[in-house]
Amino acid sequence: MPKVLVVDDEPKILKIVEHCLIREGYEVITALDGCQAIELFLRQEPDLVILDLMLPHVDGF
């Protein structure tokens, strides 16, 4: 099953995207900020990252 890391600082958006991806058969990992996203990316090695550019702490760029 493909693994997707979804990064957004708005919990409502995160939940919507997570729900849609799970429904389509993806394994989903979520992060609320850039620091958490980097940590999860290195540890979980996702196949795809959906990334908000305007994040707290470390931006999406």
PDB file of N, CA and C in Angstrom:
ATOM      1  N   MET A   1       0.853  -1.169   0.000  1.00  0.00           N
ATOM      2  CA  MET A   1       0.000   0.000   0.000  1.00  0.00           C
ATOM      3  C   MET A   1       0.905   1.240   0.000  1.00  0.00           C
ATOM      4  N   PRO A   2       0.707   2.173  -0.946  1.00  0.00           N
ATOM      5  CA  PRO A   2       1.521   3.388  -0.983  1.00  0.00           C
ATOM      6  C   PRO A   2       1.303   4.239   0.267  1.00  0.00           C
ATOM      7  N   LYS A   3       2.391   4.847   0.743  1.00  0.00           N
ATOM      8  CA  LYS A   3       2.353   5.653   1.954  1.00  0.00           C
ATOM      9  C   LYS A   3       2.482   7.130   1.577  1.00  0.00           C
ATOM     10  N   VAL A   4       1.571   7.970   2.115  1.00  0.00           N
ATOM     11  CA  VAL A   4       1.558   9.395   1.813  1.00  0.00           C
ATOM     12  C   VAL A   4       1.716  10.187   3.107  1.00  0.00           C
ATOM     13  N   LEU A   5       2.618  11.142   3.092  1.00  0.00           N
ATOM     14  CA  LEU A   5       2.775  12.081   4.198  1.00  0.00           C
ATOM     15  C   LEU A   5       2.051  13.365   3.817  1.00  0.00           C
ATOM     16  N   VAL A   6       1.074  13.757   4.625  1.00  0.00           N
ATOM     17  CA  VAL A   6       0.311  14.982   4.384  1.00  0.00           C
ATOM     18  C   VAL A   6       0.703  15.983   5.465  1.00  0.00           C
ATOM     19  N   VAL A   7       1.113  17.184   5.029  1.00  0.00           N
ATOM     20  CA  VAL A   7       1.593  18.199   5.965  1.00  0.00           C
ATOM     21  C   VAL A   7       0.767  19.472   5.795  1.00  0.00           C
ATOM     22  N   ASP A   8       0.089  19.870   6.849  1.00  0.00           N
ATOM     23  CA  ASP A   8      -0.691  21.114   6.848  1.00  0.00           C
ATOM     24  C   ASP A   8      -0.878  21.557   8.293  1.00  0.00           C
ATOM     25  N   ASP A   9      -0.829  22.859   8.525  1.00  0.00           N
ATOM     26  CA  ASP A   9      -0.986  23.363   9.884  1.00  0.00           C
ATOM     27  C   ASP A   9      -2.439  23.616  10.271  1.00  0.00           C
ATOM     28  N   GLU A  10      -3.365  23.328   9.369  1.00  0.00           N
ATOM     29  CA  GLU A  10      -4.789  23.457   9.677  1.00  0.00           C
ATOM     30  C   GLU A  10      -5.395  22.059   9.835  1.00  0.00           C
ATOM     31  N   PRO A  11      -5.742  21.684  11.063  1.00  0.00           N
ATOM     32  CA  PRO A  11      -6.238  20.335  11.333  1.00  0.00           C
ATOM     33  C   PRO A  11      -7.449  19.922  10.493  1.00  0.00           C
ATOM     34  N   LYS A  12      -8.349  20.841  10.193  1.00  0.00           N
ATOM     35  CA  LYS A  12      -9.526  20.490   9.389  1.00  0.00           C
ATOM     36  C   LYS A  12      -9.131  20.059   7.981  1.00  0.00           C
ATOM     37  N   ILE A  13      -8.222  20.800   7.379  1.00  0.00           N
ATOM     38  CA  ILE A  13      -7.746  20.442   6.033  1.00  0.00           C
ATOM     39  C   ILE A  13      -7.019  19.110   6.080  1.00  0.00           C
ATOM     40  N   LEU A  14      -6.205  18.931   7.089  1.00  0.00           N
ATOM     41  CA  LEU A  14      -5.458  17.690   7.257  1.00  0.00           C
ATOM     42  C   LEU A  14      -6.394  16.487   7.329  1.00  0.00           C
ATOM     43  N   LYS A  15      -7.464  16.617   8.115  1.00  0.00           N
ATOM     44  CA  LYS A  15      -8.430  15.518   8.273  1.00  0.00           C
ATOM     45  C   LYS A  15      -9.159  15.211   6.967  1.00  0.00           C
ATOM     46  N   ILE A  16      -9.528  16.233   6.209  1.00  0.00           N
ATOM     47  CA  ILE A  16     -10.238  16.032   4.940  1.00  0.00           C
ATOM     48  C   ILE A  16      -9.350  15.281   3.956  1.00  0.00           C
ATOM     49  N   VAL A  17      -8.106  15.739   3.807  1.00  0.00           N
ATOM     50  CA  VAL A  17      -7.185  15.096   2.866  1.00  0.00           C
ATOM     51  C   VAL A  17      -6.890  13.674   3.322  1.00  0.00           C
ATOM     52  N   GLU A  18      -6.657  13.494   4.614  1.00  0.00           N
ATOM     53  CA  GLU A  18      -6.395  12.159   5.162  1.00  0.00           C
ATOM     54  C   GLU A  18      -7.565  11.215   4.871  1.00  0.00           C
ATOM     55  N   HIS A  19      -8.770  11.654   5.127  1.00  0.00           N
ATOM     56  CA  HIS A  19      -9.963  10.828   4.905  1.00  0.00           C
ATOM     57  C   HIS A  19     -10.070  10.408   3.432  1.00  0.00           C
ATOM     58  N   CYS A  20      -9.888  11.363   2.523  1.00  0.00           N
ATOM     59  CA  CYS A  20      -9.994  11.058   1.092  1.00  0.00           C
ATOM     60  C   CYS A  20      -8.939  10.044   0.645  1.00  0.00           C
ATOM     61  N   LEU A  21      -7.713  10.207   1.139  1.00  0.00           N
ATOM     62  CA  LEU A  21      -6.642   9.287   0.741  1.00  0.00           C
ATOM     63  C   LEU A  21      -6.846   7.891   1.317  1.00  0.00           C
ATOM     64  N   ILE A  22      -7.271   7.804   2.565  1.00  0.00           N
ATOM     65  CA  ILE A  22      -7.544   6.494   3.168  1.00  0.00           C
ATOM     66  C   ILE A  22      -8.648   5.782   2.405  1.00  0.00           C
ATOM     67  N   ARG A  23      -9.668   6.518   2.042  1.00  0.00           N
ATOM     68  CA  ARG A  23     -10.782   5.939   1.284  1.00  0.00           C
ATOM     69  C   ARG A  23     -10.316   5.371  -0.058  1.00  0.00           C
ATOM     70  N   GLU A  24      -9.259   5.959  -0.626  1.00  0.00           N
ATOM     71  CA  GLU A  24      -8.720   5.487  -1.904  1.00  0.00           C
ATOM     72  C   GLU A  24      -7.675   4.388  -1.732  1.00  0.00           C
ATOM     73  N   GLY A  25      -7.391   3.997  -0.482  1.00  0.00           N
ATOM     74  CA  GLY A  25      -6.501   2.868  -0.246  1.00  0.00           C
ATOM     75  C   GLY A  25      -5.067   3.212   0.105  1.00  0.00           C
ATOM     76  N   TYR A  26      -4.796   4.465   0.434  1.00  0.00           N
ATOM     77  CA  TYR A  26      -3.439   4.850   0.815  1.00  0.00           C
ATOM     78  C   TYR A  26      -3.245   4.763   2.322  1.00  0.00           C
ATOM     79  N   GLU A  27      -2.020   4.489   2.727  1.00  0.00           N
ATOM     80  CA  GLU A  27      -1.638   4.626   4.130  1.00  0.00           C
ATOM     81  C   GLU A  27      -1.250   6.084   4.309  1.00  0.00           C
ATOM     82  N   VAL A  28      -1.764   6.748   5.336  1.00  0.00           N
ATOM     83  CA  VAL A  28      -1.553   8.181   5.495  1.00  0.00           C
ATOM     84  C   VAL A  28      -0.855   8.493   6.817  1.00  0.00           C
ATOM     85  N   ILE A  29       0.148   9.346   6.726  1.00  0.00           N
ATOM     86  CA  ILE A  29       0.855   9.873   7.883  1.00  0.00           C
ATOM     87  C   ILE A  29       0.617  11.380   7.845  1.00  0.00           C
ATOM     88  N   THR A  30       0.371  12.007   8.983  1.00  0.00           N
ATOM     89  CA  THR A  30       0.111  13.439   8.984  1.00  0.00           C
ATOM     90  C   THR A  30       1.070  14.179   9.909  1.00  0.00           C
ATOM     91  N   ALA A  31       1.332  15.439   9.540  1.00  0.00           N
ATOM     92  CA  ALA A  31       2.170  16.323  10.351  1.00  0.00           C
ATOM     93  C   ALA A  31       1.569  17.720  10.334  1.00  0.00           C
ATOM     94  N   LEU A  32       1.692  18.414  11.469  1.00  0.00           N
ATOM     95  CA  LEU A  32       1.122  19.755  11.607  1.00  0.00           C
ATOM     96  C   LEU A  32       2.129  20.881  11.384  1.00  0.00           C
ATOM     97  N   ASP A  33       3.419  20.558  11.297  1.00  0.00           N
ATOM     98  CA  ASP A  33       4.414  21.604  11.046  1.00  0.00           C
ATOM     99  C   ASP A  33       5.617  21.011  10.319  1.00  0.00           C
ATOM    100  N   GLY A  34       6.504  21.897   9.869  1.00  0.00           N
ATOM    101  CA  GLY A  34       7.652  21.465   9.088  1.00  0.00           C
ATOM    102  C   GLY A  34       8.630  20.585   9.837  1.00  0.00           C
ATOM    103  N   CYS A  35       8.858  20.880  11.111  1.00  0.00           N
ATOM    104  CA  CYS A  35       9.792  20.062  11.904  1.00  0.00           C
ATOM    105  C   CYS A  35       9.294  18.627  12.045  1.00  0.00           C
ATOM    106  N   GLN A  36       8.030  18.493  12.363  1.00  0.00           N
ATOM    107  CA  GLN A  36       7.425  17.169  12.488  1.00  0.00           C
ATOM    108  C   GLN A  36       7.438  16.447  11.140  1.00  0.00           C
ATOM    109  N   ALA A  37       7.204  17.185  10.069  1.00  0.00           N
ATOM    110  CA  ALA A  37       7.201  16.590   8.731  1.00  0.00           C
ATOM    111  C   ALA A  37       8.564  16.011   8.371  1.00  0.00           C
ATOM    112  N   ILE A  38       9.626  16.751   8.662  1.00  0.00           N
ATOM    113  CA  ILE A  38      10.978  16.265   8.366  1.00  0.00           C
ATOM    114  C   ILE A  38      11.272  14.991   9.151  1.00  0.00           C
ATOM    115  N   GLU A  39      10.928  14.999  10.423  1.00  0.00           N
ATOM    116  CA  GLU A  39      11.156  13.827  11.268  1.00  0.00           C
ATOM    117  C   GLU A  39      10.398  12.608  10.735  1.00  0.00           C
ATOM    118  N   LEU A  40       9.124  12.794  10.392  1.00  0.00           N
ATOM    119  CA  LEU A  40       8.322  11.684   9.879  1.00  0.00           C
ATOM    120  C   LEU A  40       8.817  11.220   8.515  1.00  0.00           C
ATOM    121  N   PHE A  41       9.240  12.156   7.668  1.00  0.00           N
ATOM    122  CA  PHE A  41       9.756  11.800   6.354  1.00  0.00           C
ATOM    123  C   PHE A  41      10.978  10.896   6.478  1.00  0.00           C
ATOM    124  N   LEU A  42      11.888  11.258   7.349  1.00  0.00           N
ATOM    125  CA  LEU A  42      13.108  10.463   7.519  1.00  0.00           C
ATOM    126  C   LEU A  42      12.835   9.104   8.148  1.00  0.00           C
ATOM    127  N   ARG A  43      11.888   9.045   9.064  1.00  0.00           N
ATOM    128  CA  ARG A  43      11.586   7.797   9.778  1.00  0.00           C
ATOM    129  C   ARG A  43      10.664   6.876   8.988  1.00  0.00           C
ATOM    130  N   GLN A  44       9.666   7.427   8.317  1.00  0.00           N
ATOM    131  CA  GLN A  44       8.638   6.619   7.653  1.00  0.00           C
ATOM    132  C   GLN A  44       8.885   6.372   6.167  1.00  0.00           C
ATOM    133  N   GLU A  45       9.719   7.183   5.527  1.00  0.00           N
ATOM    134  CA  GLU A  45      10.040   7.056   4.098  1.00  0.00           C
ATOM    135  C   GLU A  45       8.788   6.926   3.230  1.00  0.00           C
ATOM    136  N   PRO A  46       7.948   7.973   3.191  1.00  0.00           N
ATOM    137  CA  PRO A  46       6.723   7.909   2.396  1.00  0.00           C
ATOM    138  C   PRO A  46       7.012   7.895   0.899  1.00  0.00           C
ATOM    139  N   ASP A  47       6.039   7.393   0.134  1.00  0.00           N
ATOM    140  CA  ASP A  47       6.147   7.368  -1.319  1.00  0.00           C
ATOM    141  C   ASP A  47       5.811   8.726  -1.934  1.00  0.00           C
ATOM    142  N   LEU A  48       5.005   9.517  -1.226  1.00  0.00           N
ATOM    143  CA  LEU A  48       4.552  10.808  -1.724  1.00  0.00           C
ATOM    144  C   LEU A  48       4.368  11.750  -0.542  1.00  0.00           C
ATOM    145  N   VAL A  49       4.653  13.049  -0.759  1.00  0.00           N
ATOM    146  CA  VAL A  49       4.418  14.062   0.263  1.00  0.00           C
ATOM    147  C   VAL A  49       3.486  15.121  -0.325  1.00  0.00           C
ATOM    148  N   ILE A  50       2.406  15.402   0.387  1.00  0.00           N
ATOM    149  CA  ILE A  50       1.520  16.510   0.044  1.00  0.00           C
ATOM    150  C   ILE A  50       1.815  17.578   1.086  1.00  0.00           C
ATOM    151  N   LEU A  51       2.348  18.720   0.633  1.00  0.00           N
ATOM    152  CA  LEU A  51       2.972  19.675   1.539  1.00  0.00           C
ATOM    153  C   LEU A  51       2.403  21.081   1.376  1.00  0.00           C
ATOM    154  N   ASP A  52       1.920  21.648   2.475  1.00  0.00           N
ATOM    155  CA  ASP A  52       1.531  23.051   2.521  1.00  0.00           C
ATOM    156  C   ASP A  52       2.821  23.866   2.567  1.00  0.00           C
ATOM    157  N   LEU A  53       2.882  24.974   1.825  1.00  0.00           N
ATOM    158  CA  LEU A  53       4.114  25.764   1.799  1.00  0.00           C
ATOM    159  C   LEU A  53       4.246  26.705   2.981  1.00  0.00           C
ATOM    160  N   MET A  54       3.137  27.178   3.515  1.00  0.00           N
ATOM    161  CA  MET A  54       3.182  28.137   4.627  1.00  0.00           C
ATOM    162  C   MET A  54       2.934  27.407   5.948  1.00  0.00           C
ATOM    163  N   LEU A  55       4.024  26.937   6.546  1.00  0.00           N
ATOM    164  CA  LEU A  55       3.968  26.158   7.776  1.00  0.00           C
ATOM    165  C   LEU A  55       4.706  26.875   8.904  1.00  0.00           C
ATOM    166  N   PRO A  56       4.344  26.601  10.147  1.00  0.00           N
ATOM    167  CA  PRO A  56       5.111  27.164  11.260  1.00  0.00           C
ATOM    168  C   PRO A  56       6.455  26.441  11.421  1.00  0.00           C
ATOM    169  N   HIS A  57       7.414  27.122  12.000  1.00  0.00           N
ATOM    170  CA  HIS A  57       8.755  26.616  12.323  1.00  0.00           C
ATOM    171  C   HIS A  57       9.622  26.453  11.079  1.00  0.00           C
ATOM    172  N   VAL A  58       9.314  25.527  10.222  1.00  0.00           N
ATOM    173  CA  VAL A  58      10.055  25.303   8.978  1.00  0.00           C
ATOM    174  C   VAL A  58       9.031  25.327   7.849  1.00  0.00           C
ATOM    175  N   ASP A  59       9.185  26.242   6.883  1.00  0.00           N
ATOM    176  CA  ASP A  59       8.178  26.332   5.824  1.00  0.00           C
ATOM    177  C   ASP A  59       8.310  25.201   4.809  1.00  0.00           C
ATOM    178  N   GLY A  60       7.362  25.107   3.923  1.00  0.00           N
ATOM    179  CA  GLY A  60       7.307  24.022   2.956  1.00  0.00           C
ATOM    180  C   GLY A  60       8.329  24.087   1.839  1.00  0.00           C
ATOM    181  N   PHE A  61       9.032  25.228   1.730  1.00  0.00           N
ATOM    182  CA  PHE A  61      10.053  25.328   0.700  1.00  0.00           C
ATOM    183  C   PHE A  61      11.299  24.585   1.119  1.00  0.00           C
TER     184      PHE A  61
END
